[in-house]
Amino acid sequence: MKKLLLLPVFFITFLVQAQGNYQVALGEALTELKASQTPEETQAVANKISRIATAEPKAWLPSYYATYAHIVLSFQLKEEPQKDAVLDQAQTYLDKALVLEPKESELHVLQGYLHQARLSVSPMSRGMKYSGLTVAALEKAKALNPENPRAYFLLGQHYLHMPKMVGGGKDVAKPILTTAVEKFSAYQLANSLSPSWGMNSAKSLLAKCE
């Protein structure tokens, strides 16, 4: 009887430890991602996070960061086919995360970021398609969580880089980026793995609007 009672306790302990192990591994990988400076370094970290995401199919954060790492990598690459291939991988992980948490604001922020990355590969030929997709994803992120600073940051970045003649420019971007910086200052992280990127970039872009 005692053995039967011990079995559930053992399995609960095992599951908690397994979850803790992935969180530790993911935290270490994110530290490496922040320090990565070359495509090779970022690719290695992206691969590591992708393995964690594959091993944890019921957790959305590993797939979120696998997506994020591949987006970061795409901006470090030079060739258009390479960029698109990496962004295809990013979309695969993001789709998996969205199945798990379709109303998670951070995932829609990342979808907007991914659209921005697609647009940046060839602005002249992709602007019409991906500009609208970017704004739609980020507006959805705002609607799901009006306090999410990354939604405002990426939206401000989008309008700052958009020509004035089609509705962009500094005057449009400045109030959005101002809001982003304010919301970053007030934002409270739920835990150590919660998304925290973007504040320094938002401040830098806001300074360019002066």
Protein backbone atom coordinates (compact mmCIF):
# COMPACT_ATOMS: atom_id res chain seq x y z
CA MET A 1 0.00 0.00 0.00
CA LYS A 2 2.81 2.37 0.90
CA LYS A 3 4.50 1.61 -2.43
CA LEU A 4 1.29 2.46 -4.28
CA LEU A 5 1.02 5.76 -2.44
CA LEU A 6 4.63 6.60 -3.19
CA LEU A 7 4.24 6.15 -6.95
CA PRO A 8 2.10 9.28 -7.56
CA VAL A 9 4.47 11.34 -5.43
CA PHE A 10 7.43 10.03 -7.43
CA PHE A 11 5.85 10.92 -10.76
CA ILE A 12 4.81 14.39 -9.58
CA THR A 13 8.36 15.02 -8.38
CA PHE A 14 9.75 13.74 -11.69
CA LEU A 15 7.47 16.02 -13.72
CA VAL A 16 8.36 19.09 -11.64
CA GLN A 17 12.07 18.36 -11.98
CA ALA A 18 11.73 17.83 -15.74
CA GLN A 19 9.94 21.15 -16.11
CA GLY A 20 12.58 22.84 -13.98
CA ASN A 21 15.33 21.33 -16.13
CA TYR A 22 13.89 22.77 -19.35
CA GLN A 23 13.48 26.17 -17.72
CA VAL A 24 17.10 26.15 -16.58
CA ALA A 25 18.30 25.07 -20.02
CA LEU A 26 16.15 27.71 -21.72
CA GLY A 27 17.40 30.41 -19.37
CA GLU A 28 21.01 29.49 -20.14
CA ALA A 29 20.29 29.52 -23.88
CA LEU A 30 18.71 32.98 -23.66
CA THR A 31 21.82 34.28 -21.91
CA GLU A 32 23.87 32.91 -24.80
CA LEU A 33 21.49 34.49 -27.32
CA LYS A 34 21.98 37.94 -25.80
CA ALA A 35 25.74 37.51 -26.12
CA SER A 36 25.75 36.12 -29.67
CA GLN A 37 27.24 38.47 -32.25
CA THR A 38 27.73 36.37 -35.38
CA PRO A 39 25.32 34.31 -37.50
CA GLU A 40 27.20 31.18 -36.49
CA GLU A 41 26.79 31.91 -32.78
CA THR A 42 23.13 32.79 -33.16
CA GLN A 43 22.47 29.69 -35.27
CA ALA A 44 24.01 27.49 -32.58
CA VAL A 45 21.78 29.03 -29.92
CA ALA A 46 18.71 28.84 -32.17
CA ASN A 47 19.40 25.14 -32.65
CA LYS A 48 19.69 24.65 -28.90
CA ILE A 49 16.40 26.43 -28.20
CA SER A 50 14.73 24.53 -31.03
CA ARG A 51 15.70 21.24 -29.40
CA ILE A 52 14.14 22.42 -26.15
CA ALA A 53 10.96 23.40 -28.03
CA THR A 54 10.80 19.97 -29.66
CA ALA A 55 11.25 18.27 -26.29
CA GLU A 56 8.56 20.46 -24.67
CA PRO A 57 5.64 20.42 -27.15
CA LYS A 58 3.09 21.47 -24.51
CA ALA A 59 4.96 24.60 -23.40
CA TRP A 60 4.61 27.75 -25.52
CA LEU A 61 7.67 29.66 -24.28
CA PRO A 62 10.31 27.35 -25.84
CA SER A 63 8.60 27.67 -29.23
CA TYR A 64 8.28 31.42 -28.68
CA TYR A 65 12.02 31.75 -28.13
CA ALA A 66 12.84 29.38 -30.99
CA THR A 67 10.87 31.77 -33.19
CA TYR A 68 12.58 34.83 -31.70
CA ALA A 69 16.07 33.35 -32.12
CA HIS A 70 15.42 32.60 -35.78
CA ILE A 71 14.12 36.12 -36.38
CA VAL A 72 17.27 37.56 -34.79
CA LEU A 73 19.34 35.24 -36.98
CA SER A 74 17.54 36.40 -40.13
CA PHE A 75 18.69 39.98 -39.54
CA GLN A 76 22.30 38.79 -39.30
CA LEU A 77 22.26 36.92 -42.60
CA LYS A 78 22.99 38.60 -45.94
CA GLU A 79 21.50 36.41 -48.66
CA GLU A 80 17.76 36.62 -49.37
CA PRO A 81 17.21 32.83 -49.72
CA GLN A 82 18.95 32.22 -46.39
CA LYS A 83 16.83 34.85 -44.67
CA ASP A 84 13.60 33.40 -46.01
CA ALA A 85 14.58 29.85 -45.09
CA VAL A 86 15.30 30.89 -41.50
CA LEU A 87 12.04 32.84 -41.32
CA ASP A 88 10.17 29.78 -42.59
CA GLN A 89 11.59 27.90 -39.61
CA ALA A 90 10.57 30.74 -37.32
CA GLN A 91 6.99 30.61 -38.59
CA THR A 92 6.83 26.86 -37.98
CA TYR A 93 7.68 27.29 -34.30
CA LEU A 94 5.36 30.27 -33.95
CA ASP A 95 2.46 28.34 -35.44
CA LYS A 96 2.99 25.62 -32.83
CA ALA A 97 2.99 28.17 -30.02
CA LEU A 98 -0.18 29.84 -31.34
CA VAL A 99 -2.01 26.51 -31.25
CA LEU A 100 -1.16 26.28 -27.55
CA GLU A 101 -1.91 29.91 -26.65
CA PRO A 102 -3.88 31.67 -29.42
CA LYS A 103 -4.71 34.64 -27.19
CA GLU A 104 -1.18 35.26 -25.91
CA SER A 105 -0.26 38.85 -26.80
CA GLU A 106 3.47 38.11 -26.95
CA LEU A 107 2.95 35.57 -29.72
CA HIS A 108 1.13 38.11 -31.88
CA VAL A 109 3.93 40.60 -31.20
CA LEU A 110 6.33 38.00 -32.52
CA GLN A 111 4.12 37.44 -35.58
CA GLY A 112 4.36 41.16 -36.29
CA TYR A 113 8.13 41.03 -35.84
CA LEU A 114 8.35 38.08 -38.22
CA HIS A 115 6.35 40.01 -40.83
CA GLN A 116 8.74 42.94 -40.38
CA ALA A 117 11.66 40.61 -40.98
CA ARG A 118 10.01 39.32 -44.17
CA LEU A 119 9.44 42.88 -45.34
CA SER A 120 13.05 43.88 -44.66
CA VAL A 121 14.35 41.18 -47.00
CA SER A 122 12.98 43.14 -49.98
CA PRO A 123 11.10 46.32 -48.95
CA MET A 124 10.24 47.43 -52.48
CA SER A 125 8.62 44.17 -53.54
CA ARG A 126 7.17 43.11 -50.19
CA GLY A 127 6.08 46.39 -48.65
CA MET A 128 2.47 46.30 -49.80
CA LYS A 129 1.86 42.78 -48.48
CA TYR A 130 3.84 42.70 -45.26
CA SER A 131 3.21 46.24 -44.07
CA GLY A 132 -0.47 45.50 -43.58
CA LEU A 133 0.23 42.11 -42.03
CA THR A 134 2.68 43.68 -39.58
CA VAL A 135 0.23 46.32 -38.40
CA ALA A 136 -2.62 43.82 -38.11
CA ALA A 137 -0.57 41.45 -35.94
CA LEU A 138 0.68 44.22 -33.66
CA GLU A 139 -2.76 45.78 -33.27
CA LYS A 140 -4.08 42.36 -32.26
CA ALA A 141 -1.26 42.08 -29.71
CA LYS A 142 -2.28 45.47 -28.29
CA ALA A 143 -5.92 44.44 -28.11
CA LEU A 144 -5.04 41.26 -26.21
CA ASN A 145 -2.79 43.14 -23.79
CA PRO A 146 -2.82 46.97 -23.98
CA GLU A 147 0.11 47.06 -21.53
CA ASN A 148 2.47 45.02 -23.71
CA PRO A 149 5.31 47.44 -24.53
CA ARG A 150 6.73 45.33 -27.36
CA ALA A 151 3.57 45.81 -29.43
CA TYR A 152 4.03 49.60 -29.29
CA PHE A 153 7.78 49.38 -29.86
CA LEU A 154 7.49 47.34 -33.05
CA LEU A 155 4.56 49.42 -34.28
CA GLY A 156 6.58 52.60 -33.73
CA GLN A 157 9.57 51.04 -35.47
CA HIS A 158 7.35 50.11 -38.41
CA TYR A 159 6.01 53.64 -38.87
CA LEU A 160 9.42 55.22 -38.37
CA HIS A 161 10.83 53.23 -41.28
CA MET A 162 7.75 53.79 -43.44
CA PRO A 163 7.94 56.69 -45.94
CA LYS A 164 6.02 59.80 -44.91
CA MET A 165 4.08 59.80 -48.18
CA VAL A 166 2.38 56.52 -47.26
CA GLY A 167 1.57 57.36 -43.65
CA GLY A 168 4.86 56.88 -41.84
CA GLY A 169 7.67 59.08 -40.58
CA LYS A 170 8.93 60.54 -37.32
CA ASP A 171 5.79 62.48 -36.44
CA VAL A 172 3.70 59.31 -36.60
CA ALA A 173 6.24 57.09 -34.86
CA LYS A 174 7.19 59.43 -31.99
CA PRO A 175 4.01 59.22 -29.87
CA ILE A 176 3.86 55.45 -30.34
CA LEU A 177 7.49 55.02 -29.28
CA THR A 178 6.93 57.38 -26.35
CA THR A 179 4.11 55.12 -25.20
CA ALA A 180 6.34 52.08 -25.69
CA VAL A 181 9.08 53.49 -23.45
CA GLU A 182 6.53 54.45 -20.79
CA LYS A 183 5.03 50.97 -20.82
CA PHE A 184 8.47 49.34 -20.69
CA SER A 185 9.22 51.35 -17.55
CA ALA A 186 6.02 50.15 -15.87
CA TYR A 187 6.13 46.56 -17.14
CA GLN A 188 6.44 43.79 -14.54
CA LEU A 189 7.91 40.44 -15.58
CA ALA A 190 5.87 37.41 -14.52
CA ASN A 191 9.04 35.32 -14.16
CA SER A 192 12.66 35.13 -15.30
CA LEU A 193 11.69 33.62 -18.67
CA SER A 194 9.08 36.24 -19.53
CA PRO A 195 9.88 38.23 -22.71
CA SER A 196 11.89 41.31 -21.77
CA TRP A 197 13.51 42.44 -25.03
CA GLY A 198 13.00 45.76 -26.79
CA MET A 199 13.39 48.55 -24.24
CA ASN A 200 16.84 49.78 -25.29
CA SER A 201 15.87 49.65 -28.95
CA ALA A 202 12.68 51.59 -28.26
CA LYS A 203 14.65 54.31 -26.48
CA SER A 204 17.15 54.46 -29.34
CA LEU A 205 14.41 54.84 -31.95
CA LEU A 206 12.62 57.47 -29.88
CA ALA A 207 15.84 59.51 -29.77
CA LYS A 208 15.92 59.43 -33.58
CA CYS A 209 12.49 61.06 -33.64
CA GLU A 210 13.72 64.20 -31.88
